[in-house]
Amino acid sequence: MPGQEKTIKSRTARIERKTNETSITCNLNIDGTGRGVIATGIPFFDHMLNQLKKHSFIDMDLSASGDLEIDSHHTVEDVGIVLGMAIKEALGDRQGIVRYANTKVPLDEACVECVLDLCTRPFIYYDLKFNKERINNFELELNLEFWKALAFNAPFTLHLKQASGINSHHIIEAGFKAFALAFDRAKQIDNRIKGSRSTKGAM
């Protein structure tokens, strides 16, 4: 009706996932302001997820308990699965979204580029290199496992490429920030886009 405001659907999700190895709950609002509490039992991983939350302007409460007495693998991978599932639910039919974005983020000597396509085709190209095996109780090889789980469960196409860097902390953090900025741009609604931004008519 004339004068009536268009109702904007809330882009939120709540996912709970329990296995014999992990128990994870995620509340997500992709149109937030960067608020929320992250608790995975892996301090470095929490630090990275807080970067993602802050710089992509999503509100996220995420709690995870896992078999850290074995190692961090199950927890990190399953957090990627759950966050990917939450993003998928929050994006809905993806009608009207910008879809594509790319950005480079520097952190001191490190610089990482993220190229993102929020289609529903899961793919990851990953080119980050480290000169150590772990930071605290976070095994650096798990960085790839997180991004792979996220990309394949969201799903979307993700490229992460290192332009420079020596310090492993800087490289990983630049990657999380680069993804956050790209995701923030790609998830925006553009009123010029009618339906899906695809010649197929659907993503």
N, C-alpha and C. Protein backbone atom coordinates (compact mmCIF):
# COMPACT_ATOMS: atom_id res chain seq x y z
N MET A 1 0.85 -1.19 0.00
CA MET A 1 0.00 0.00 0.00
C MET A 1 0.88 1.23 0.00
N PRO A 2 0.40 2.37 -0.61
CA PRO A 2 1.18 3.59 -0.64
C PRO A 2 1.54 4.06 0.77
N GLY A 3 2.78 4.44 0.94
CA GLY A 3 3.23 4.95 2.23
C GLY A 3 3.64 3.87 3.21
N GLN A 4 3.36 2.62 2.86
CA GLN A 4 3.71 1.53 3.77
C GLN A 4 5.17 1.16 3.57
N GLU A 5 5.93 1.06 4.67
CA GLU A 5 7.34 0.71 4.58
C GLU A 5 7.50 -0.76 4.23
N LYS A 6 8.51 -1.02 3.42
CA LYS A 6 8.82 -2.39 3.04
C LYS A 6 9.40 -3.14 4.24
N THR A 7 8.90 -4.34 4.50
CA THR A 7 9.41 -5.14 5.59
C THR A 7 10.70 -5.82 5.18
N ILE A 8 11.75 -5.63 5.96
CA ILE A 8 13.03 -6.25 5.69
C ILE A 8 13.16 -7.49 6.56
N LYS A 9 13.35 -8.62 5.92
CA LYS A 9 13.46 -9.88 6.64
C LYS A 9 14.75 -9.91 7.45
N SER A 10 14.62 -10.33 8.70
CA SER A 10 15.79 -10.44 9.57
C SER A 10 16.70 -11.55 9.06
N ARG A 11 17.99 -11.23 8.94
CA ARG A 11 18.95 -12.22 8.44
C ARG A 11 19.73 -12.78 9.64
N THR A 12 19.08 -13.69 10.33
CA THR A 12 19.64 -14.26 11.55
C THR A 12 19.59 -15.78 11.47
N ALA A 13 20.30 -16.41 12.39
CA ALA A 13 20.29 -17.87 12.46
C ALA A 13 20.72 -18.32 13.85
N ARG A 14 20.24 -19.48 14.23
CA ARG A 14 20.69 -20.15 15.44
C ARG A 14 20.96 -21.60 15.07
N ILE A 15 22.18 -22.04 15.30
CA ILE A 15 22.57 -23.41 14.99
C ILE A 15 23.15 -24.06 16.24
N GLU A 16 22.68 -25.26 16.54
CA GLU A 16 23.25 -26.08 17.61
C GLU A 16 23.68 -27.41 16.99
N ARG A 17 24.89 -27.80 17.29
CA ARG A 17 25.41 -29.05 16.73
C ARG A 17 26.18 -29.80 17.81
N LYS A 18 25.79 -31.05 18.04
CA LYS A 18 26.46 -31.87 19.04
C LYS A 18 26.90 -33.17 18.42
N THR A 19 28.15 -33.54 18.68
CA THR A 19 28.68 -34.84 18.26
C THR A 19 29.39 -35.46 19.46
N ASN A 20 29.99 -36.59 19.26
CA ASN A 20 30.76 -37.21 20.34
C ASN A 20 32.06 -36.46 20.61
N GLU A 21 32.41 -35.52 19.72
CA GLU A 21 33.67 -34.79 19.85
C GLU A 21 33.49 -33.33 20.26
N THR A 22 32.37 -32.72 19.86
CA THR A 22 32.17 -31.29 20.15
C THR A 22 30.70 -30.99 20.42
N SER A 23 30.48 -29.86 21.10
CA SER A 23 29.15 -29.30 21.30
C SER A 23 29.25 -27.81 21.03
N ILE A 24 28.53 -27.33 20.01
CA ILE A 24 28.69 -25.95 19.55
C ILE A 24 27.33 -25.30 19.36
N THR A 25 27.22 -24.06 19.82
CA THR A 25 26.02 -23.25 19.62
C THR A 25 26.43 -21.91 19.03
N CYS A 26 25.72 -21.48 18.00
CA CYS A 26 26.02 -20.20 17.35
C CYS A 26 24.73 -19.43 17.11
N ASN A 27 24.67 -18.21 17.62
CA ASN A 27 23.61 -17.26 17.30
C ASN A 27 24.21 -16.18 16.44
N LEU A 28 23.63 -15.95 15.26
CA LEU A 28 24.23 -15.07 14.27
C LEU A 28 23.24 -14.07 13.71
N ASN A 29 23.68 -12.83 13.59
CA ASN A 29 22.93 -11.78 12.88
C ASN A 29 23.92 -11.12 11.93
N ILE A 30 23.74 -11.34 10.63
CA ILE A 30 24.73 -10.82 9.69
C ILE A 30 24.53 -9.33 9.39
N ASP A 31 23.50 -8.73 9.96
CA ASP A 31 23.30 -7.28 9.82
C ASP A 31 23.46 -6.61 11.18
N GLY A 32 24.53 -6.96 11.86
CA GLY A 32 24.75 -6.45 13.21
C GLY A 32 25.74 -5.32 13.26
N THR A 33 26.40 -5.21 14.40
CA THR A 33 27.36 -4.12 14.63
C THR A 33 28.71 -4.63 15.14
N GLY A 34 28.86 -5.95 15.21
CA GLY A 34 30.13 -6.52 15.67
C GLY A 34 30.12 -6.95 17.12
N ARG A 35 28.93 -7.11 17.69
CA ARG A 35 28.84 -7.50 19.09
C ARG A 35 28.78 -9.02 19.25
N GLY A 36 29.00 -9.48 20.48
CA GLY A 36 28.86 -10.89 20.77
C GLY A 36 30.00 -11.44 21.59
N VAL A 37 29.81 -12.66 22.06
CA VAL A 37 30.78 -13.34 22.91
C VAL A 37 31.24 -14.63 22.23
N ILE A 38 32.54 -14.80 22.14
CA ILE A 38 33.14 -15.98 21.53
C ILE A 38 33.87 -16.77 22.61
N ALA A 39 33.60 -18.07 22.70
CA ALA A 39 34.28 -18.91 23.69
C ALA A 39 34.42 -20.32 23.13
N THR A 40 35.63 -20.65 22.65
CA THR A 40 35.86 -21.97 22.08
C THR A 40 36.82 -22.80 22.91
N GLY A 41 37.46 -22.19 23.92
CA GLY A 41 38.48 -22.89 24.68
C GLY A 41 39.85 -22.83 24.04
N ILE A 42 39.94 -22.12 22.90
CA ILE A 42 41.21 -21.95 22.18
C ILE A 42 41.45 -20.45 22.05
N PRO A 43 42.23 -19.84 22.94
CA PRO A 43 42.34 -18.38 23.00
C PRO A 43 42.72 -17.71 21.68
N PHE A 44 43.68 -18.25 20.96
CA PHE A 44 44.08 -17.64 19.69
C PHE A 44 42.94 -17.68 18.67
N PHE A 45 42.23 -18.79 18.63
CA PHE A 45 41.09 -18.94 17.72
C PHE A 45 39.99 -17.95 18.09
N ASP A 46 39.73 -17.79 19.39
CA ASP A 46 38.76 -16.79 19.84
C ASP A 46 39.15 -15.40 19.35
N HIS A 47 40.43 -15.08 19.43
CA HIS A 47 40.95 -13.78 18.98
C HIS A 47 40.66 -13.59 17.49
N MET A 48 40.86 -14.63 16.69
CA MET A 48 40.60 -14.53 15.25
C MET A 48 39.11 -14.38 14.96
N LEU A 49 38.27 -15.15 15.65
CA LEU A 49 36.83 -15.06 15.43
C LEU A 49 36.29 -13.70 15.86
N ASN A 50 36.89 -13.11 16.88
CA ASN A 50 36.50 -11.76 17.26
C ASN A 50 36.87 -10.74 16.19
N GLN A 51 38.00 -10.96 15.50
CA GLN A 51 38.35 -10.09 14.38
C GLN A 51 37.31 -10.21 13.27
N LEU A 52 36.91 -11.44 12.97
CA LEU A 52 35.91 -11.67 11.94
C LEU A 52 34.61 -10.96 12.28
N LYS A 53 34.17 -11.15 13.51
CA LYS A 53 32.92 -10.54 13.98
C LYS A 53 32.97 -9.02 13.91
N LYS A 54 34.03 -8.44 14.44
CA LYS A 54 34.17 -6.99 14.52
C LYS A 54 34.19 -6.34 13.14
N HIS A 55 34.99 -6.88 12.24
CA HIS A 55 35.25 -6.21 10.98
C HIS A 55 34.23 -6.53 9.89
N SER A 56 33.39 -7.53 10.12
CA SER A 56 32.32 -7.82 9.15
C SER A 56 30.97 -7.29 9.62
N PHE A 57 30.95 -6.65 10.80
CA PHE A 57 29.71 -6.10 11.36
C PHE A 57 28.63 -7.17 11.49
N ILE A 58 29.02 -8.32 12.02
CA ILE A 58 28.03 -9.34 12.37
C ILE A 58 27.97 -9.43 13.89
N ASP A 59 26.79 -9.72 14.40
CA ASP A 59 26.65 -10.04 15.81
C ASP A 59 26.70 -11.56 15.94
N MET A 60 27.54 -12.04 16.82
CA MET A 60 27.71 -13.49 16.94
C MET A 60 28.03 -13.88 18.37
N ASP A 61 27.21 -14.74 18.91
CA ASP A 61 27.51 -15.44 20.16
C ASP A 61 27.82 -16.88 19.78
N LEU A 62 29.04 -17.30 20.09
CA LEU A 62 29.45 -18.65 19.71
C LEU A 62 30.16 -19.31 20.88
N SER A 63 29.65 -20.46 21.29
CA SER A 63 30.29 -21.22 22.37
C SER A 63 30.56 -22.63 21.87
N ALA A 64 31.73 -23.14 22.22
CA ALA A 64 32.11 -24.48 21.79
C ALA A 64 32.86 -25.18 22.90
N SER A 65 32.54 -26.44 23.09
CA SER A 65 33.33 -27.30 23.97
C SER A 65 33.68 -28.53 23.17
N GLY A 66 34.95 -28.91 23.25
CA GLY A 66 35.39 -30.05 22.45
C GLY A 66 36.48 -30.83 23.14
N ASP A 67 36.95 -31.86 22.48
CA ASP A 67 37.96 -32.75 23.05
C ASP A 67 39.36 -32.17 22.90
N LEU A 68 39.58 -31.03 23.56
CA LEU A 68 40.87 -30.35 23.47
C LEU A 68 41.99 -31.14 24.12
N GLU A 69 41.64 -32.15 24.93
CA GLU A 69 42.67 -32.99 25.52
C GLU A 69 43.37 -33.83 24.44
N ILE A 70 42.70 -34.00 23.30
CA ILE A 70 43.32 -34.69 22.16
C ILE A 70 44.13 -33.69 21.35
N ASP A 71 43.44 -32.73 20.76
CA ASP A 71 44.05 -31.57 20.12
C ASP A 71 42.92 -30.62 19.74
N SER A 72 43.23 -29.59 18.98
CA SER A 72 42.22 -28.57 18.66
C SER A 72 41.46 -28.85 17.37
N HIS A 73 41.82 -29.93 16.68
CA HIS A 73 41.30 -30.15 15.33
C HIS A 73 39.78 -30.21 15.27
N HIS A 74 39.17 -31.07 16.07
CA HIS A 74 37.72 -31.24 15.99
C HIS A 74 36.98 -29.95 16.30
N THR A 75 37.46 -29.22 17.31
CA THR A 75 36.78 -27.98 17.70
C THR A 75 36.87 -26.94 16.60
N VAL A 76 38.06 -26.73 16.05
CA VAL A 76 38.24 -25.71 15.01
C VAL A 76 37.43 -26.05 13.77
N GLU A 77 37.52 -27.28 13.31
CA GLU A 77 36.79 -27.68 12.11
C GLU A 77 35.28 -27.59 12.33
N ASP A 78 34.80 -28.05 13.49
CA ASP A 78 33.36 -28.05 13.74
C ASP A 78 32.82 -26.64 13.93
N VAL A 79 33.62 -25.73 14.47
CA VAL A 79 33.20 -24.32 14.52
C VAL A 79 33.03 -23.79 13.10
N GLY A 80 33.94 -24.16 12.20
CA GLY A 80 33.78 -23.76 10.80
C GLY A 80 32.51 -24.31 10.19
N ILE A 81 32.19 -25.57 10.50
CA ILE A 81 30.96 -26.18 9.99
C ILE A 81 29.74 -25.42 10.50
N VAL A 82 29.69 -25.17 11.81
CA VAL A 82 28.52 -24.52 12.42
C VAL A 82 28.37 -23.08 11.94
N LEU A 83 29.47 -22.34 11.89
CA LEU A 83 29.39 -20.96 11.41
C LEU A 83 28.96 -20.94 9.94
N GLY A 84 29.46 -21.88 9.16
CA GLY A 84 29.03 -21.97 7.76
C GLY A 84 27.53 -22.24 7.65
N MET A 85 27.03 -23.17 8.47
CA MET A 85 25.60 -23.47 8.47
C MET A 85 24.77 -22.25 8.87
N ALA A 86 25.28 -21.48 9.83
CA ALA A 86 24.58 -20.28 10.28
C ALA A 86 24.56 -19.21 9.19
N ILE A 87 25.67 -19.04 8.49
CA ILE A 87 25.71 -18.08 7.39
C ILE A 87 24.74 -18.49 6.29
N LYS A 88 24.72 -19.78 5.98
CA LYS A 88 23.78 -20.27 4.95
C LYS A 88 22.35 -19.94 5.32
N GLU A 89 21.97 -20.20 6.57
CA GLU A 89 20.60 -19.93 7.00
C GLU A 89 20.30 -18.44 7.00
N ALA A 90 21.25 -17.64 7.47
CA ALA A 90 21.03 -16.20 7.55
C ALA A 90 20.93 -15.55 6.17
N LEU A 91 21.70 -16.03 5.20
CA LEU A 91 21.64 -15.47 3.85
C LEU A 91 20.35 -15.82 3.13
N GLY A 92 19.72 -16.89 3.53
CA GLY A 92 18.45 -17.28 2.92
C GLY A 92 18.61 -17.57 1.44
N ASP A 93 17.72 -17.00 0.60
CA ASP A 93 17.76 -17.28 -0.84
C ASP A 93 18.78 -16.41 -1.58
N ARG A 94 19.45 -15.51 -0.85
CA ARG A 94 20.52 -14.67 -1.39
C ARG A 94 20.05 -13.71 -2.47
N GLN A 95 18.75 -13.46 -2.49
CA GLN A 95 18.20 -12.53 -3.46
C GLN A 95 18.69 -11.11 -3.17
N GLY A 96 19.18 -10.42 -4.18
CA GLY A 96 19.53 -9.01 -4.06
C GLY A 96 20.89 -8.73 -3.45
N ILE A 97 21.65 -9.76 -3.07
CA ILE A 97 22.95 -9.49 -2.46
C ILE A 97 23.99 -9.12 -3.51
N VAL A 98 24.97 -8.33 -3.10
CA VAL A 98 26.05 -7.91 -3.99
C VAL A 98 26.81 -9.12 -4.52
N ARG A 99 27.00 -10.09 -3.70
CA ARG A 99 27.57 -11.40 -4.05
C ARG A 99 29.08 -11.43 -4.11
N TYR A 100 29.71 -10.54 -4.85
CA TYR A 100 31.16 -10.57 -5.04
C TYR A 100 31.85 -9.49 -4.22
N ALA A 101 33.05 -9.80 -3.74
CA ALA A 101 33.87 -8.77 -3.08
C ALA A 101 35.30 -9.27 -3.01
N ASN A 102 36.21 -8.33 -2.99
CA ASN A 102 37.62 -8.68 -2.75
C ASN A 102 38.29 -7.55 -2.01
N THR A 103 39.26 -7.90 -1.18
CA THR A 103 39.98 -6.89 -0.41
C THR A 103 41.34 -7.43 0.00
N LYS A 104 42.28 -6.51 0.19
CA LYS A 104 43.59 -6.84 0.76
C LYS A 104 43.72 -6.13 2.08
N VAL A 105 44.25 -6.84 3.07
CA VAL A 105 44.44 -6.25 4.39
C VAL A 105 45.89 -6.44 4.82
N PRO A 106 46.55 -5.34 5.21
CA PRO A 106 47.90 -5.45 5.75
C PRO A 106 47.89 -5.52 7.27
N LEU A 107 48.84 -6.21 7.83
CA LEU A 107 49.10 -6.17 9.26
C LEU A 107 50.62 -6.20 9.42
N ASP A 108 51.17 -5.02 9.63
CA ASP A 108 52.63 -4.86 9.65
C ASP A 108 53.22 -5.42 8.35
N GLU A 109 54.10 -6.42 8.44
CA GLU A 109 54.78 -6.92 7.24
C GLU A 109 53.91 -7.87 6.42
N ALA A 110 52.80 -8.32 7.00
CA ALA A 110 51.93 -9.29 6.33
C ALA A 110 50.83 -8.59 5.55
N CYS A 111 50.46 -9.20 4.43
CA CYS A 111 49.34 -8.70 3.63
C CYS A 111 48.65 -9.90 3.00
N VAL A 112 47.34 -9.99 3.18
CA VAL A 112 46.57 -11.13 2.66
C VAL A 112 45.38 -10.60 1.87
N GLU A 113 45.14 -11.25 0.74
CA GLU A 113 44.00 -10.89 -0.12
C GLU A 113 42.91 -11.95 0.02
N CYS A 114 41.67 -11.48 0.10
CA CYS A 114 40.51 -12.37 0.08
C CYS A 114 39.63 -11.99 -1.11
N VAL A 115 39.29 -12.99 -1.91
CA VAL A 115 38.34 -12.82 -3.01
C VAL A 115 37.18 -13.76 -2.72
N LEU A 116 35.96 -13.23 -2.73
CA LEU A 116 34.79 -13.97 -2.24
C LEU A 116 33.63 -13.88 -3.22
N ASP A 117 32.98 -15.01 -3.42
CA ASP A 117 31.76 -15.10 -4.21
C ASP A 117 30.73 -15.86 -3.38
N LEU A 118 29.70 -15.16 -2.93
CA LEU A 118 28.68 -15.79 -2.09
C LEU A 118 27.64 -16.54 -2.92
N CYS A 119 28.14 -17.31 -3.88
CA CYS A 119 27.28 -18.22 -4.63
C CYS A 119 27.06 -19.45 -3.75
N THR A 120 26.47 -20.47 -4.31
CA THR A 120 26.29 -21.69 -3.53
C THR A 120 27.19 -22.81 -4.04
N ARG A 121 28.28 -22.41 -4.71
CA ARG A 121 29.27 -23.40 -5.16
C ARG A 121 30.46 -23.39 -4.21
N PRO A 122 30.64 -24.45 -3.43
CA PRO A 122 31.74 -24.47 -2.47
C PRO A 122 33.09 -24.71 -3.13
N PHE A 123 34.03 -23.83 -2.84
CA PHE A 123 35.39 -23.98 -3.36
C PHE A 123 36.31 -23.13 -2.51
N ILE A 124 37.55 -23.61 -2.33
CA ILE A 124 38.53 -22.79 -1.62
C ILE A 124 39.88 -22.90 -2.32
N TYR A 125 40.49 -21.74 -2.54
CA TYR A 125 41.88 -21.65 -2.96
C TYR A 125 42.62 -21.01 -1.80
N TYR A 126 43.65 -21.67 -1.32
CA TYR A 126 44.31 -21.25 -0.08
C TYR A 126 45.80 -21.24 -0.29
N ASP A 127 46.41 -20.08 -0.10
CA ASP A 127 47.86 -19.94 -0.29
C ASP A 127 48.44 -19.08 0.83
N LEU A 128 48.46 -19.65 2.04
CA LEU A 128 49.09 -19.01 3.19
C LEU A 128 50.18 -19.94 3.70
N LYS A 129 51.32 -19.36 4.04
CA LYS A 129 52.47 -20.17 4.46
C LYS A 129 53.00 -19.67 5.80
N PHE A 130 53.34 -20.62 6.67
CA PHE A 130 53.81 -20.29 8.02
C PHE A 130 55.18 -20.91 8.28
N ASN A 131 55.92 -20.28 9.18
CA ASN A 131 57.25 -20.79 9.51
C ASN A 131 57.31 -21.41 10.91
N LYS A 132 56.14 -21.74 11.45
CA LYS A 132 56.06 -22.42 12.73
C LYS A 132 54.85 -23.34 12.71
N GLU A 133 54.71 -24.19 13.71
CA GLU A 133 53.65 -25.19 13.71
C GLU A 133 52.43 -24.80 14.53
N ARG A 134 52.62 -23.97 15.56
CA ARG A 134 51.48 -23.65 16.42
C ARG A 134 51.66 -22.29 17.08
N ILE A 135 50.53 -21.73 17.49
CA ILE A 135 50.49 -20.57 18.36
C ILE A 135 49.67 -20.98 19.57
N ASN A 136 50.32 -21.06 20.73
CA ASN A 136 49.66 -21.56 21.93
C ASN A 136 49.11 -22.95 21.63
N ASN A 137 47.81 -23.20 21.84
CA ASN A 137 47.26 -24.53 21.55
C ASN A 137 46.51 -24.58 20.23
N PHE A 138 46.84 -23.65 19.33
CA PHE A 138 46.24 -23.61 17.99
C PHE A 138 47.27 -24.08 16.97
N GLU A 139 47.06 -25.27 16.39
CA GLU A 139 47.96 -25.78 15.36
C GLU A 139 47.68 -25.00 14.07
N LEU A 140 48.70 -24.43 13.46
CA LEU A 140 48.49 -23.52 12.34
C LEU A 140 47.92 -24.21 11.11
N GLU A 141 48.11 -25.52 10.98
CA GLU A 141 47.51 -26.23 9.86
C GLU A 141 45.98 -26.24 9.96
N LEU A 142 45.47 -25.97 11.17
CA LEU A 142 44.01 -25.94 11.35
C LEU A 142 43.37 -24.70 10.76
N ASN A 143 44.17 -23.69 10.45
CA ASN A 143 43.62 -22.50 9.80
C ASN A 143 42.92 -22.89 8.50
N LEU A 144 43.58 -23.71 7.70
CA LEU A 144 42.97 -24.20 6.46
C LEU A 144 41.71 -25.02 6.75
N GLU A 145 41.74 -25.86 7.77
CA GLU A 145 40.58 -26.69 8.08
C GLU A 145 39.37 -25.84 8.43
N PHE A 146 39.60 -24.74 9.14
CA PHE A 146 38.49 -23.85 9.47
C PHE A 146 37.89 -23.23 8.21
N TRP A 147 38.75 -22.66 7.35
CA TRP A 147 38.23 -21.98 6.16
C TRP A 147 37.55 -22.96 5.22
N LYS A 148 38.10 -24.16 5.12
CA LYS A 148 37.49 -25.17 4.25
C LYS A 148 36.11 -25.56 4.76
N ALA A 149 36.01 -25.79 6.06
CA ALA A 149 34.71 -26.15 6.64
C ALA A 149 33.70 -25.02 6.48
N LEU A 150 34.16 -23.79 6.65
CA LEU A 150 33.27 -22.63 6.50
C LEU A 150 32.78 -22.50 5.07
N ALA A 151 33.70 -22.55 4.11
CA ALA A 151 33.34 -22.36 2.70
C ALA A 151 32.40 -23.46 2.19
N PHE A 152 32.62 -24.69 2.64
CA PHE A 152 31.82 -25.80 2.12
C PHE A 152 30.46 -25.92 2.79
N ASN A 153 30.28 -25.32 3.96
CA ASN A 153 28.99 -25.39 4.65
C ASN A 153 28.15 -24.14 4.48
N ALA A 154 28.77 -23.03 4.05
CA ALA A 154 27.99 -21.80 3.88
C ALA A 154 26.99 -21.86 2.71
N PRO A 155 27.25 -22.38 1.55
CA PRO A 155 28.56 -22.54 0.93
C PRO A 155 28.89 -21.31 0.07
N PHE A 156 30.20 -21.14 -0.22
CA PHE A 156 30.63 -20.06 -1.11
C PHE A 156 32.01 -20.38 -1.68
N THR A 157 32.44 -19.55 -2.61
CA THR A 157 33.76 -19.68 -3.19
C THR A 157 34.69 -18.68 -2.51
N LEU A 158 35.81 -19.18 -2.01
CA LEU A 158 36.73 -18.37 -1.21
C LEU A 158 38.15 -18.54 -1.71
N HIS A 159 38.82 -17.42 -1.96
CA HIS A 159 40.25 -17.42 -2.28
C HIS A 159 40.97 -16.60 -1.21
N LEU A 160 41.97 -17.20 -0.58
CA LEU A 160 42.83 -16.49 0.37
C LEU A 160 44.26 -16.62 -0.11
N LYS A 161 44.88 -15.49 -0.39
CA LYS A 161 46.23 -15.50 -0.96
C LYS A 161 47.13 -14.52 -0.21
N GLN A 162 48.27 -15.02 0.18
CA GLN A 162 49.25 -14.21 0.91
C GLN A 162 50.12 -13.42 -0.06
N ALA A 163 50.13 -12.10 0.10
CA ALA A 163 50.99 -11.25 -0.72
C ALA A 163 52.36 -11.09 -0.09
N SER A 164 52.39 -11.05 1.24
CA SER A 164 53.65 -10.93 1.97
C SER A 164 53.42 -11.38 3.40
N GLY A 165 54.51 -11.57 4.14
CA GLY A 165 54.37 -11.91 5.55
C GLY A 165 55.43 -12.86 6.06
N ILE A 166 55.82 -12.65 7.30
CA ILE A 166 56.78 -13.51 7.99
C ILE A 166 56.17 -14.03 9.29
N ASN A 167 55.56 -13.14 10.05
CA ASN A 167 54.99 -13.48 11.35
C ASN A 167 53.67 -14.23 11.16
N SER A 168 53.60 -15.45 11.69
CA SER A 168 52.42 -16.30 11.47
C SER A 168 51.14 -15.69 12.04
N HIS A 169 51.25 -15.08 13.22
CA HIS A 169 50.09 -14.41 13.82
C HIS A 169 49.57 -13.33 12.88
N HIS A 170 50.46 -12.52 12.34
CA HIS A 170 50.06 -11.43 11.45
C HIS A 170 49.39 -11.98 10.18
N ILE A 171 49.95 -13.06 9.63
CA ILE A 171 49.41 -13.62 8.39
C ILE A 171 47.99 -14.14 8.61
N ILE A 172 47.79 -14.91 9.67
CA ILE A 172 46.46 -15.46 9.94
C ILE A 172 45.46 -14.35 10.24
N GLU A 173 45.87 -13.38 11.05
CA GLU A 173 44.95 -12.30 11.40
C GLU A 173 44.59 -11.44 10.20
N ALA A 174 45.57 -11.18 9.33
CA ALA A 174 45.27 -10.43 8.11
C ALA A 174 44.27 -11.18 7.25
N GLY A 175 44.36 -12.51 7.23
CA GLY A 175 43.40 -13.32 6.48
C GLY A 175 42.00 -13.23 7.04
N PHE A 176 41.86 -13.30 8.35
CA PHE A 176 40.55 -13.18 8.98
C PHE A 176 39.94 -11.79 8.73
N LYS A 177 40.77 -10.78 8.82
CA LYS A 177 40.27 -9.42 8.60
C LYS A 177 39.90 -9.21 7.13
N ALA A 178 40.70 -9.75 6.22
CA ALA A 178 40.40 -9.62 4.79
C ALA A 178 39.08 -10.30 4.47
N PHE A 179 38.87 -11.50 5.02
CA PHE A 179 37.58 -12.17 4.80
C PHE A 179 36.44 -11.35 5.38
N ALA A 180 36.63 -10.82 6.57
CA ALA A 180 35.58 -10.05 7.24
C ALA A 180 35.14 -8.87 6.38
N LEU A 181 36.10 -8.12 5.85
CA LEU A 181 35.77 -6.97 5.03
C LEU A 181 35.08 -7.39 3.73
N ALA A 182 35.58 -8.47 3.11
CA ALA A 182 34.96 -8.95 1.88
C ALA A 182 33.55 -9.46 2.14
N PHE A 183 33.36 -10.19 3.23
CA PHE A 183 32.04 -10.72 3.55
C PHE A 183 31.05 -9.58 3.82
N ASP A 184 31.51 -8.55 4.53
CA ASP A 184 30.64 -7.42 4.80
C ASP A 184 30.14 -6.77 3.51
N ARG A 185 31.00 -6.65 2.53
CA ARG A 185 30.61 -6.04 1.26
C ARG A 185 29.71 -6.97 0.45
N ALA A 186 30.06 -8.25 0.39
CA ALA A 186 29.33 -9.18 -0.46
C ALA A 186 27.92 -9.47 0.04
N LYS A 187 27.70 -9.38 1.36
CA LYS A 187 26.38 -9.69 1.92
C LYS A 187 25.40 -8.54 1.85
N GLN A 188 25.85 -7.37 1.43
CA GLN A 188 24.96 -6.21 1.37
C GLN A 188 23.88 -6.39 0.31
N ILE A 189 22.72 -5.82 0.58
CA ILE A 189 21.62 -5.81 -0.38
C ILE A 189 21.75 -4.57 -1.27
N ASP A 190 21.72 -4.80 -2.58
CA ASP A 190 21.77 -3.71 -3.56
C ASP A 190 20.41 -3.66 -4.25
N ASN A 191 19.70 -2.55 -4.09
CA ASN A 191 18.34 -2.44 -4.62
C ASN A 191 18.27 -2.48 -6.14
N ARG A 192 19.42 -2.32 -6.79
CA ARG A 192 19.44 -2.42 -8.26
C ARG A 192 19.32 -3.87 -8.72
N ILE A 193 19.65 -4.81 -7.82
CA ILE A 193 19.64 -6.22 -8.18
C ILE A 193 18.25 -6.79 -7.94
N LYS A 194 17.63 -7.26 -8.99
CA LYS A 194 16.30 -7.87 -8.90
C LYS A 194 16.46 -9.39 -8.94
N GLY A 195 16.12 -10.04 -7.86
CA GLY A 195 16.31 -11.46 -7.77
C GLY A 195 17.77 -11.79 -7.49
N SER A 196 18.26 -12.85 -8.14
CA SER A 196 19.65 -13.26 -7.94
C SER A 196 20.57 -12.53 -8.91
N ARG A 197 21.77 -12.24 -8.45
CA ARG A 197 22.77 -11.65 -9.32
C ARG A 197 23.46 -12.78 -10.09
N SER A 198 22.69 -13.36 -10.99
CA SER A 198 23.16 -14.50 -11.77
C SER A 198 22.33 -14.62 -13.03
N THR A 199 22.96 -14.93 -14.16
CA THR A 199 22.21 -15.14 -15.39
C THR A 199 21.40 -16.43 -15.33
N LYS A 200 21.72 -17.30 -14.36
CA LYS A 200 20.94 -18.52 -14.17
C LYS A 200 19.58 -18.25 -13.53
N GLY A 201 19.48 -17.09 -12.85
CA GLY A 201 18.25 -16.76 -12.16
C GLY A 201 18.21 -17.25 -10.73
N ALA A 202 19.26 -17.99 -10.33
CA ALA A 202 19.34 -18.49 -8.96
C ALA A 202 20.79 -18.79 -8.66
N MET A 203 21.13 -18.73 -7.35
CA MET A 203 22.49 -19.07 -6.93
C MET A 203 22.47 -20.37 -6.13
